[in-house]
């Protein structure tokens, strides 16, 4: 990470604390918020993404009528979350502190506090705190950089004689690669720090957002294949750089393209 456009993921102490809260919840039982796996919902997201997930997923499921929840939420989960918030506050880590203050508020059945200081800046100063839009969009010009890097990688793969295969290990550890590892290689080489995903996982990944306004540099997915969207050809077809049965090549996608008649879906890294 380290690039300004890459959001800082939750710290290791946060992931550990979320795991401990999940263990407590499992022991208590109950419904609604107690069935939400905090580590799964929050643990692999950037802090702003986690705040939005907290509001839209956990907040909606807070079971006001659950007696065990009502009796224990302040005594256990809210107290633990508030304690972790204070630990971050003491270190000057206001963004993480706000996340944990918000989590404590959810378990107490209260509205999440508004962000302040650095947290407000990172979240775009949203007046409603958790209601604000997640700031995960790539900066202007980044998509063009990714598309250009994809074409560079095509030339590199060709010069190295990389062939198509779904067998691990993948290039550069070996001399073969598949479409999803090609995409991850391009994004990583462009400075975009997102986890590796397959064509079947990308739709559920918090690190990619589906878009109906595709721009060069987005990930294009069609018929079990994925690549980097590079624009359109003279026939108006979408074009993409990919590593597949056509080798490392840029070609037509969409209807009449390489991968059937299904409409392609586009995802922007977050």
C-alpha atoms as a PDB file:
ATOM      1  CA  UNK A   1       0.000   0.000   0.000  1.00  0.00           C
ATOM      2  CA  UNK A   2       1.358   3.462   0.705  1.00  0.00           C
ATOM      3  CA  UNK A   3      -0.044   5.185  -2.395  1.00  0.00           C
ATOM      4  CA  UNK A   4      -2.349   8.060  -1.504  1.00  0.00           C
ATOM      5  CA  UNK A   5      -5.275   6.693  -3.491  1.00  0.00           C
ATOM      6  CA  UNK A   6      -5.251   3.374  -1.613  1.00  0.00           C
ATOM      7  CA  UNK A   7      -7.408   3.316   1.501  1.00  0.00           C
ATOM      8  CA  UNK A   8      -5.802   2.026   4.680  1.00  0.00           C
ATOM      9  CA  UNK A   9      -7.325  -1.327   5.619  1.00  0.00           C
ATOM     10  CA  UNK A  10      -8.442  -2.044   9.164  1.00  0.00           C
ATOM     11  CA  UNK A  11      -5.502  -2.507  11.463  1.00  0.00           C
ATOM     12  CA  UNK A  12      -4.534  -5.947  12.759  1.00  0.00           C
ATOM     13  CA  UNK A  13      -5.738  -5.026  16.253  1.00  0.00           C
ATOM     14  CA  UNK A  14      -9.165  -4.182  14.778  1.00  0.00           C
ATOM     15  CA  UNK A  15      -9.470  -7.518  13.012  1.00  0.00           C
ATOM     16  CA  UNK A  16      -8.490  -9.303  16.211  1.00  0.00           C
ATOM     17  CA  UNK A  17     -11.011  -7.330  18.248  1.00  0.00           C
ATOM     18  CA  UNK A  18     -13.761  -8.065  15.711  1.00  0.00           C
ATOM     19  CA  UNK A  19     -12.977 -11.759  16.034  1.00  0.00           C
ATOM     20  CA  UNK A  20     -13.256 -11.530  19.803  1.00  0.00           C
ATOM     21  CA  UNK A  21     -16.624  -9.777  19.532  1.00  0.00           C
ATOM     22  CA  UNK A  22     -17.859 -12.476  17.141  1.00  0.00           C
ATOM     23  CA  UNK A  23     -16.866 -15.100  19.707  1.00  0.00           C
ATOM     24  CA  UNK A  24     -18.803 -13.265  22.426  1.00  0.00           C
ATOM     25  CA  UNK A  25     -21.856 -12.931  20.194  1.00  0.00           C
ATOM     26  CA  UNK A  26     -21.773 -16.623  19.341  1.00  0.00           C
ATOM     27  CA  UNK A  27     -21.770 -17.481  23.028  1.00  0.00           C
ATOM     28  CA  UNK A  28     -24.728 -15.204  23.738  1.00  0.00           C
ATOM     29  CA  UNK A  29     -26.865 -16.365  20.842  1.00  0.00           C
ATOM     30  CA  UNK A  30     -29.854 -14.273  19.775  1.00  0.00           C
ATOM     31  CA  UNK A  31     -31.066 -12.911  16.443  1.00  0.00           C
ATOM     32  CA  UNK A  32     -30.533  -9.968  14.134  1.00  0.00           C
ATOM     33  CA  UNK A  33     -27.228  -8.257  14.869  1.00  0.00           C
ATOM     34  CA  UNK A  34     -26.021 -11.292  16.768  1.00  0.00           C
ATOM     35  CA  UNK A  35     -26.106 -13.333  13.576  1.00  0.00           C
ATOM     36  CA  UNK A  36     -24.012 -10.806  11.659  1.00  0.00           C
ATOM     37  CA  UNK A  37     -20.382 -11.886  11.387  1.00  0.00           C
ATOM     38  CA  UNK A  38     -18.514  -8.671  12.166  1.00  0.00           C
ATOM     39  CA  UNK A  39     -15.200  -9.949  10.851  1.00  0.00           C
ATOM     40  CA  UNK A  40     -16.774 -10.837   7.500  1.00  0.00           C
ATOM     41  CA  UNK A  41     -18.722  -7.575   7.223  1.00  0.00           C
ATOM     42  CA  UNK A  42     -15.994  -5.193   8.419  1.00  0.00           C
ATOM     43  CA  UNK A  43     -12.658  -6.959   8.626  1.00  0.00           C
ATOM     44  CA  UNK A  44     -11.418  -6.761   5.024  1.00  0.00           C
ATOM     45  CA  UNK A  45     -12.730  -3.288   4.197  1.00  0.00           C
ATOM     46  CA  UNK A  46     -11.171   0.132   4.290  1.00  0.00           C
ATOM     47  CA  UNK A  47     -12.367   2.147   7.282  1.00  0.00           C
ATOM     48  CA  UNK A  48     -14.826   4.287   5.243  1.00  0.00           C
ATOM     49  CA  UNK A  49     -16.236   1.154   3.581  1.00  0.00           C
ATOM     50  CA  UNK A  50     -16.545  -0.498   6.982  1.00  0.00           C
ATOM     51  CA  UNK A  51     -18.502   2.478   8.332  1.00  0.00           C
ATOM     52  CA  UNK A  52     -21.006   2.269   5.499  1.00  0.00           C
ATOM     53  CA  UNK A  53     -21.322  -1.505   5.893  1.00  0.00           C
ATOM     54  CA  UNK A  54     -21.897  -0.948   9.594  1.00  0.00           C
ATOM     55  CA  UNK A  55     -24.784   1.409   8.892  1.00  0.00           C
ATOM     56  CA  UNK A  56     -26.417  -0.544   6.075  1.00  0.00           C
ATOM     57  CA  UNK A  57     -25.929  -4.101   7.348  1.00  0.00           C
ATOM     58  CA  UNK A  58     -25.544  -4.180  11.111  1.00  0.00           C
ATOM     59  CA  UNK A  59     -27.586  -1.090  11.894  1.00  0.00           C
ATOM     60  CA  UNK A  60     -30.637  -2.392  10.058  1.00  0.00           C
ATOM     61  CA  UNK A  61     -30.521  -5.728  11.854  1.00  0.00           C
ATOM     62  CA  UNK A  62     -30.297  -4.465  15.445  1.00  0.00           C
ATOM     63  CA  UNK A  63     -33.039  -6.530  17.155  1.00  0.00           C
ATOM     64  CA  UNK A  64     -34.778  -4.138  19.523  1.00  0.00           C
ATOM     65  CA  UNK A  65     -37.101  -6.866  20.716  1.00  0.00           C
ATOM     66  CA  UNK A  66     -34.465  -9.480  21.504  1.00  0.00           C
ATOM     67  CA  UNK A  67     -34.368  -9.750  25.298  1.00  0.00           C
ATOM     68  CA  UNK A  68     -30.867 -11.188  25.496  1.00  0.00           C
ATOM     69  CA  UNK A  69     -29.617  -8.484  23.172  1.00  0.00           C
ATOM     70  CA  UNK A  70     -31.302  -5.748  25.230  1.00  0.00           C
ATOM     71  CA  UNK A  71     -29.876  -7.125  28.469  1.00  0.00           C
ATOM     72  CA  UNK A  72     -26.329  -7.745  27.307  1.00  0.00           C
ATOM     73  CA  UNK A  73     -25.516  -5.338  24.489  1.00  0.00           C
ATOM     74  CA  UNK A  74     -24.259  -2.485  26.720  1.00  0.00           C
ATOM     75  CA  UNK A  75     -22.537  -4.828  29.128  1.00  0.00           C
ATOM     76  CA  UNK A  76     -20.539  -6.762  26.571  1.00  0.00           C
ATOM     77  CA  UNK A  77     -20.268  -5.704  22.953  1.00  0.00           C
ATOM     78  CA  UNK A  78     -20.765  -1.957  23.356  1.00  0.00           C
ATOM     79  CA  UNK A  79     -18.307  -1.791  26.236  1.00  0.00           C
ATOM     80  CA  UNK A  80     -15.670  -3.756  24.333  1.00  0.00           C
ATOM     81  CA  UNK A  81     -16.109  -1.581  21.241  1.00  0.00           C
ATOM     82  CA  UNK A  82     -15.891   1.619  23.292  1.00  0.00           C
ATOM     83  CA  UNK A  83     -12.705   0.397  24.944  1.00  0.00           C
ATOM     84  CA  UNK A  84     -11.105  -0.297  21.591  1.00  0.00           C
ATOM     85  CA  UNK A  85     -12.213   3.134  20.355  1.00  0.00           C
ATOM     86  CA  UNK A  86     -10.413   4.781  23.301  1.00  0.00           C
ATOM     87  CA  UNK A  87      -7.238   2.843  22.506  1.00  0.00           C
ATOM     88  CA  UNK A  88      -7.214   4.286  18.985  1.00  0.00           C
ATOM     89  CA  UNK A  89      -8.124   7.744  20.219  1.00  0.00           C
ATOM     90  CA  UNK A  90      -5.166   7.685  22.587  1.00  0.00           C
ATOM     91  CA  UNK A  91      -2.891   7.048  19.602  1.00  0.00           C
ATOM     92  CA  UNK A  92      -4.457   9.852  17.599  1.00  0.00           C
ATOM     93  CA  UNK A  93      -6.035   7.350  15.170  1.00  0.00           C
ATOM     94  CA  UNK A  94      -9.321   9.212  14.867  1.00  0.00           C
ATOM     95  CA  UNK A  95     -10.658   7.365  11.821  1.00  0.00           C
ATOM     96  CA  UNK A  96     -10.377   3.947  13.477  1.00  0.00           C
ATOM     97  CA  UNK A  97     -11.663   5.431  16.746  1.00  0.00           C
ATOM     98  CA  UNK A  98     -14.775   6.684  14.966  1.00  0.00           C
ATOM     99  CA  UNK A  99     -15.436   3.241  13.500  1.00  0.00           C
ATOM    100  CA  UNK A 100     -15.367   1.657  16.938  1.00  0.00           C
ATOM    101  CA  UNK A 101     -17.412   4.454  18.513  1.00  0.00           C
ATOM    102  CA  UNK A 102     -19.984   3.837  15.796  1.00  0.00           C
ATOM    103  CA  UNK A 103     -19.960   0.105  16.443  1.00  0.00           C
ATOM    104  CA  UNK A 104     -20.524   0.727  20.145  1.00  0.00           C
ATOM    105  CA  UNK A 105     -23.418   3.051  19.324  1.00  0.00           C
ATOM    106  CA  UNK A 106     -25.059   0.432  17.082  1.00  0.00           C
ATOM    107  CA  UNK A 107     -24.985  -2.133  19.868  1.00  0.00           C
ATOM    108  CA  UNK A 108     -26.447   0.426  22.270  1.00  0.00           C
ATOM    109  CA  UNK A 109     -29.258   1.166  19.856  1.00  0.00           C
ATOM    110  CA  UNK A 110     -28.081   4.771  19.351  1.00  0.00           C
ATOM    111  CA  UNK A 111     -27.270   6.847  16.289  1.00  0.00           C
ATOM    112  CA  UNK A 112     -23.629   6.688  15.289  1.00  0.00           C
ATOM    113  CA  UNK A 113     -21.610   9.790  16.205  1.00  0.00           C
ATOM    114  CA  UNK A 114     -20.551  12.209  13.490  1.00  0.00           C
ATOM    115  CA  UNK A 115     -16.900  11.941  12.420  1.00  0.00           C
ATOM    116  CA  UNK A 116     -14.459  14.593  13.552  1.00  0.00           C
ATOM    117  CA  UNK A 117     -10.968  15.671  12.617  1.00  0.00           C
ATOM    118  CA  UNK A 118      -9.102  13.288  10.332  1.00  0.00           C
ATOM    119  CA  UNK A 119     -12.062  10.931  10.224  1.00  0.00           C
ATOM    120  CA  UNK A 120     -14.289  13.692   8.846  1.00  0.00           C
ATOM    121  CA  UNK A 121     -11.708  14.500   6.187  1.00  0.00           C
ATOM    122  CA  UNK A 122     -11.359  10.900   5.072  1.00  0.00           C
ATOM    123  CA  UNK A 123     -15.118  10.459   4.921  1.00  0.00           C
ATOM    124  CA  UNK A 124     -15.620  13.659   2.977  1.00  0.00           C
ATOM    125  CA  UNK A 125     -17.125  15.508   5.942  1.00  0.00           C
ATOM    126  CA  UNK A 126     -20.473  13.783   5.531  1.00  0.00           C
ATOM    127  CA  UNK A 127     -22.934  15.563   7.791  1.00  0.00           C
ATOM    128  CA  UNK A 128     -24.715  12.353   8.579  1.00  0.00           C
ATOM    129  CA  UNK A 129     -21.617  10.386   9.527  1.00  0.00           C
ATOM    130  CA  UNK A 130     -22.419   6.874   8.372  1.00  0.00           C
ATOM    131  CA  UNK A 131     -24.857   8.129   5.757  1.00  0.00           C
ATOM    132  CA  UNK A 132     -22.007   9.599   3.730  1.00  0.00           C
ATOM    133  CA  UNK A 133     -20.839   8.017   0.497  1.00  0.00           C
ATOM    134  CA  UNK A 134     -17.800   5.775   0.694  1.00  0.00           C
ATOM    135  CA  UNK A 135     -14.747   7.457  -0.816  1.00  0.00           C
ATOM    136  CA  UNK A 136     -13.461   4.454  -2.738  1.00  0.00           C
ATOM    137  CA  UNK A 137     -13.386   5.739  -6.302  1.00  0.00           C
ATOM    138  CA  UNK A 138     -10.038   5.793  -8.054  1.00  0.00           C
ATOM    139  CA  UNK A 139      -8.603   9.259  -8.705  1.00  0.00           C
ATOM    140  CA  UNK A 140      -8.921  10.924 -12.103  1.00  0.00           C
ATOM    141  CA  UNK A 141      -6.525   9.464 -14.640  1.00  0.00           C
ATOM    142  CA  UNK A 142      -5.950   6.235 -12.732  1.00  0.00           C
ATOM    143  CA  UNK A 143      -8.127   4.216 -15.108  1.00  0.00           C
ATOM    144  CA  UNK A 144      -6.011   5.316 -18.052  1.00  0.00           C
ATOM    145  CA  UNK A 145      -2.894   4.272 -16.179  1.00  0.00           C
ATOM    146  CA  UNK A 146      -4.366   0.794 -15.580  1.00  0.00           C
ATOM    147  CA  UNK A 147      -5.383   0.412 -19.248  1.00  0.00           C
ATOM    148  CA  UNK A 148      -1.893   1.444 -20.372  1.00  0.00           C
ATOM    149  CA  UNK A 149      -0.312  -0.973 -17.898  1.00  0.00           C
ATOM    150  CA  UNK A 150      -2.533  -3.768 -19.247  1.00  0.00           C
ATOM    151  CA  UNK A 151      -1.114  -3.208 -22.736  1.00  0.00           C
ATOM    152  CA  UNK A 152       2.410  -3.146 -21.318  1.00  0.00           C
ATOM    153  CA  UNK A 153       1.722  -6.462 -19.608  1.00  0.00           C
ATOM    154  CA  UNK A 154       0.445  -7.967 -22.858  1.00  0.00           C
ATOM    155  CA  UNK A 155       3.768  -7.119 -24.498  1.00  0.00           C
ATOM    156  CA  UNK A 156       5.673  -8.465 -21.491  1.00  0.00           C
ATOM    157  CA  UNK A 157       3.755 -11.751 -21.460  1.00  0.00           C
ATOM    158  CA  UNK A 158       4.323 -12.183 -25.200  1.00  0.00           C
ATOM    159  CA  UNK A 159       8.046 -11.448 -24.940  1.00  0.00           C
ATOM    160  CA  UNK A 160       8.378 -13.923 -22.073  1.00  0.00           C
ATOM    161  CA  UNK A 161       6.435 -16.602 -23.929  1.00  0.00           C
ATOM    162  CA  UNK A 162       3.787 -16.843 -21.196  1.00  0.00           C
ATOM    163  CA  UNK A 163       1.076 -19.325 -22.137  1.00  0.00           C
ATOM    164  CA  UNK A 164      -2.482 -19.768 -20.917  1.00  0.00           C
ATOM    165  CA  UNK A 165      -3.057 -22.249 -18.110  1.00  0.00           C
ATOM    166  CA  UNK A 166      -5.171 -22.448 -14.978  1.00  0.00           C
ATOM    167  CA  UNK A 167      -2.542 -24.443 -13.128  1.00  0.00           C
ATOM    168  CA  UNK A 168      -0.630 -22.876 -10.237  1.00  0.00           C
ATOM    169  CA  UNK A 169       1.923 -21.431  -9.787  1.00  0.00           C
ATOM    170  CA  UNK A 170       1.328 -18.495 -12.098  1.00  0.00           C
ATOM    171  CA  UNK A 171       3.572 -15.969 -13.826  1.00  0.00           C
ATOM    172  CA  UNK A 172       6.093 -14.689 -12.790  1.00  0.00           C
ATOM    173  CA  UNK A 173       6.614 -17.786 -10.618  1.00  0.00           C
ATOM    174  CA  UNK A 174       6.050 -19.890 -13.737  1.00  0.00           C
ATOM    175  CA  UNK A 175       5.687 -19.277 -17.454  1.00  0.00           C
ATOM    176  CA  UNK A 176       1.905 -19.485 -17.619  1.00  0.00           C
ATOM    177  CA  UNK A 177      -1.100 -17.572 -16.296  1.00  0.00           C
ATOM    178  CA  UNK A 178      -4.876 -17.334 -16.540  1.00  0.00           C
ATOM    179  CA  UNK A 179      -7.248 -14.403 -16.930  1.00  0.00           C
ATOM    180  CA  UNK A 180      -7.815 -13.595 -13.253  1.00  0.00           C
ATOM    181  CA  UNK A 181      -4.106 -13.670 -12.390  1.00  0.00           C
ATOM    182  CA  UNK A 182      -3.380 -11.439 -15.386  1.00  0.00           C
ATOM    183  CA  UNK A 183      -5.916  -8.896 -14.088  1.00  0.00           C
ATOM    184  CA  UNK A 184      -4.426  -9.013 -10.600  1.00  0.00           C
ATOM    185  CA  UNK A 185      -0.921  -8.597 -12.033  1.00  0.00           C
ATOM    186  CA  UNK A 186      -2.023  -5.507 -13.998  1.00  0.00           C
ATOM    187  CA  UNK A 187      -3.781  -3.892 -11.028  1.00  0.00           C
ATOM    188  CA  UNK A 188      -0.921  -4.608  -8.636  1.00  0.00           C
ATOM    189  CA  UNK A 189       1.637  -3.289 -11.131  1.00  0.00           C
ATOM    190  CA  UNK A 190      -0.468  -0.130 -11.495  1.00  0.00           C
ATOM    191  CA  UNK A 191      -0.299   0.487  -7.748  1.00  0.00           C
ATOM    192  CA  UNK A 192      -3.880  -0.591  -7.022  1.00  0.00           C
ATOM    193  CA  UNK A 193      -3.791  -2.666  -3.846  1.00  0.00           C
ATOM    194  CA  UNK A 194      -6.801  -4.975  -4.080  1.00  0.00           C
ATOM    195  CA  UNK A 195      -6.924  -8.710  -3.267  1.00  0.00           C
ATOM    196  CA  UNK A 196      -6.891 -11.348  -5.984  1.00  0.00           C
ATOM    197  CA  UNK A 197     -10.389 -12.425  -7.058  1.00  0.00           C
ATOM    198  CA  UNK A 198     -11.761 -14.872  -9.608  1.00  0.00           C
ATOM    199  CA  UNK A 199     -14.569 -14.193 -12.077  1.00  0.00           C
ATOM    200  CA  UNK A 200     -16.938 -15.899  -9.628  1.00  0.00           C
ATOM    201  CA  UNK A 201     -15.808 -13.848  -6.631  1.00  0.00           C
ATOM    202  CA  UNK A 202     -15.577 -10.329  -8.032  1.00  0.00           C
ATOM    203  CA  UNK A 203     -19.298  -9.556  -7.783  1.00  0.00           C
ATOM    204  CA  UNK A 204     -19.240 -10.187  -4.019  1.00  0.00           C
ATOM    205  CA  UNK A 205     -15.897  -8.545  -3.330  1.00  0.00           C
ATOM    206  CA  UNK A 206     -15.978  -5.259  -1.345  1.00  0.00           C
ATOM    207  CA  UNK A 207     -12.905  -4.191  -3.313  1.00  0.00           C
ATOM    208  CA  UNK A 208     -14.756  -3.966  -6.642  1.00  0.00           C
ATOM    209  CA  UNK A 209     -17.902  -2.053  -7.533  1.00  0.00           C
ATOM    210  CA  UNK A 210     -20.087  -2.841 -10.540  1.00  0.00           C
ATOM    211  CA  UNK A 211     -20.552   0.122 -12.873  1.00  0.00           C
ATOM    212  CA  UNK A 212     -22.851   0.867 -15.810  1.00  0.00           C
ATOM    213  CA  UNK A 213     -20.530   3.650 -16.983  1.00  0.00           C
ATOM    214  CA  UNK A 214     -17.385   1.694 -17.867  1.00  0.00           C
ATOM    215  CA  UNK A 215     -14.106   3.529 -18.255  1.00  0.00           C
ATOM    216  CA  UNK A 216     -10.779   2.223 -19.577  1.00  0.00           C
ATOM    217  CA  UNK A 217      -9.006   0.501 -16.715  1.00  0.00           C
ATOM    218  CA  UNK A 218     -12.142  -1.136 -15.299  1.00  0.00           C
ATOM    219  CA  UNK A 219     -12.294  -4.920 -15.046  1.00  0.00           C
ATOM    220  CA  UNK A 220     -14.510  -6.480 -17.725  1.00  0.00           C
ATOM    221  CA  UNK A 221     -16.165  -9.859 -17.074  1.00  0.00           C
ATOM    222  CA  UNK A 222     -18.037 -12.022 -19.582  1.00  0.00           C
ATOM    223  CA  UNK A 223     -18.777 -15.715 -19.897  1.00  0.00           C
ATOM    224  CA  UNK A 224     -16.378 -16.828 -17.154  1.00  0.00           C
ATOM    225  CA  UNK A 225     -13.552 -14.631 -18.460  1.00  0.00           C
ATOM    226  CA  UNK A 226     -12.124 -11.381 -17.118  1.00  0.00           C
ATOM    227  CA  UNK A 227      -9.773  -8.761 -18.474  1.00  0.00           C
ATOM    228  CA  UNK A 228      -8.997  -5.055 -18.396  1.00  0.00           C
ATOM    229  CA  UNK A 229     -11.383  -2.875 -20.387  1.00  0.00           C
ATOM    230  CA  UNK A 230      -9.441  -0.717 -22.851  1.00  0.00           C
ATOM    231  CA  UNK A 231     -12.213   1.077 -24.785  1.00  0.00           C
ATOM    232  CA  UNK A 232     -14.155   0.304 -27.954  1.00  0.00           C
ATOM    233  CA  UNK A 233     -13.169  -0.664 -31.507  1.00  0.00           C
ATOM    234  CA  UNK A 234     -14.354   0.887 -34.774  1.00  0.00           C
ATOM    235  CA  UNK A 235     -17.485  -1.288 -34.617  1.00  0.00           C
ATOM    236  CA  UNK A 236     -18.419   0.054 -31.202  1.00  0.00           C
ATOM    237  CA  UNK A 237     -17.578  -3.228 -29.470  1.00  0.00           C
ATOM    238  CA  UNK A 238     -15.890  -3.132 -26.084  1.00  0.00           C
ATOM    239  CA  UNK A 239     -12.253  -4.198 -26.191  1.00  0.00           C
ATOM    240  CA  UNK A 240     -10.226  -5.740 -23.431  1.00  0.00           C
ATOM    241  CA  UNK A 241      -6.749  -6.979 -22.607  1.00  0.00           C
ATOM    242  CA  UNK A 242      -6.758 -10.538 -21.320  1.00  0.00           C
ATOM    243  CA  UNK A 243      -4.829 -13.750 -20.813  1.00  0.00           C
ATOM    244  CA  UNK A 244      -6.804 -16.689 -22.178  1.00  0.00           C
ATOM    245  CA  UNK A 245      -7.130 -19.168 -24.986  1.00  0.00           C
ATOM    246  CA  UNK A 246      -6.283 -16.349 -27.406  1.00  0.00           C
ATOM    247  CA  UNK A 247      -3.038 -15.887 -25.497  1.00  0.00           C
ATOM    248  CA  UNK A 248      -2.007 -12.537 -24.074  1.00  0.00           C
ATOM    249  CA  UNK A 249      -4.041 -10.344 -26.394  1.00  0.00           C
ATOM    250  CA  UNK A 250      -6.385  -7.386 -26.730  1.00  0.00           C
ATOM    251  CA  UNK A 251      -9.591  -8.149 -28.570  1.00  0.00           C
ATOM    252  CA  UNK A 252     -13.363  -7.689 -28.868  1.00  0.00           C
ATOM    253  CA  UNK A 253     -15.757  -8.489 -26.035  1.00  0.00           C
ATOM    254  CA  UNK A 254     -19.532  -8.269 -25.904  1.00  0.00           C
ATOM    255  CA  UNK A 255     -21.907  -9.565 -28.570  1.00  0.00           C
ATOM    256  CA  UNK A 256     -19.959 -10.962 -31.516  1.00  0.00           C
ATOM    257  CA  UNK A 257     -16.717 -10.878 -29.573  1.00  0.00           C
ATOM    258  CA  UNK A 258     -14.443 -13.583 -28.259  1.00  0.00           C
ATOM    259  CA  UNK A 259     -16.609 -14.740 -25.368  1.00  0.00           C
ATOM    260  CA  UNK A 260     -20.132 -15.310 -26.672  1.00  0.00           C
ATOM    261  CA  UNK A 261     -23.236 -13.149 -26.735  1.00  0.00           C
ATOM    262  CA  UNK A 262     -23.696 -12.430 -23.042  1.00  0.00           C
ATOM    263  CA  UNK A 263     -23.479  -8.789 -22.031  1.00  0.00           C
ATOM    264  CA  UNK A 264     -20.205  -7.996 -20.265  1.00  0.00           C
ATOM    265  CA  UNK A 265     -20.216  -6.642 -16.713  1.00  0.00           C
ATOM    266  CA  UNK A 266     -17.764  -3.988 -15.585  1.00  0.00           C
ATOM    267  CA  UNK A 267     -16.189  -3.471 -12.166  1.00  0.00           C
ATOM    268  CA  UNK A 268     -14.131  -0.599 -10.850  1.00  0.00           C
ATOM    269  CA  UNK A 269     -11.447  -1.318  -8.226  1.00  0.00           C
ATOM    270  CA  UNK A 270     -12.158   0.418  -4.914  1.00  0.00           C
END
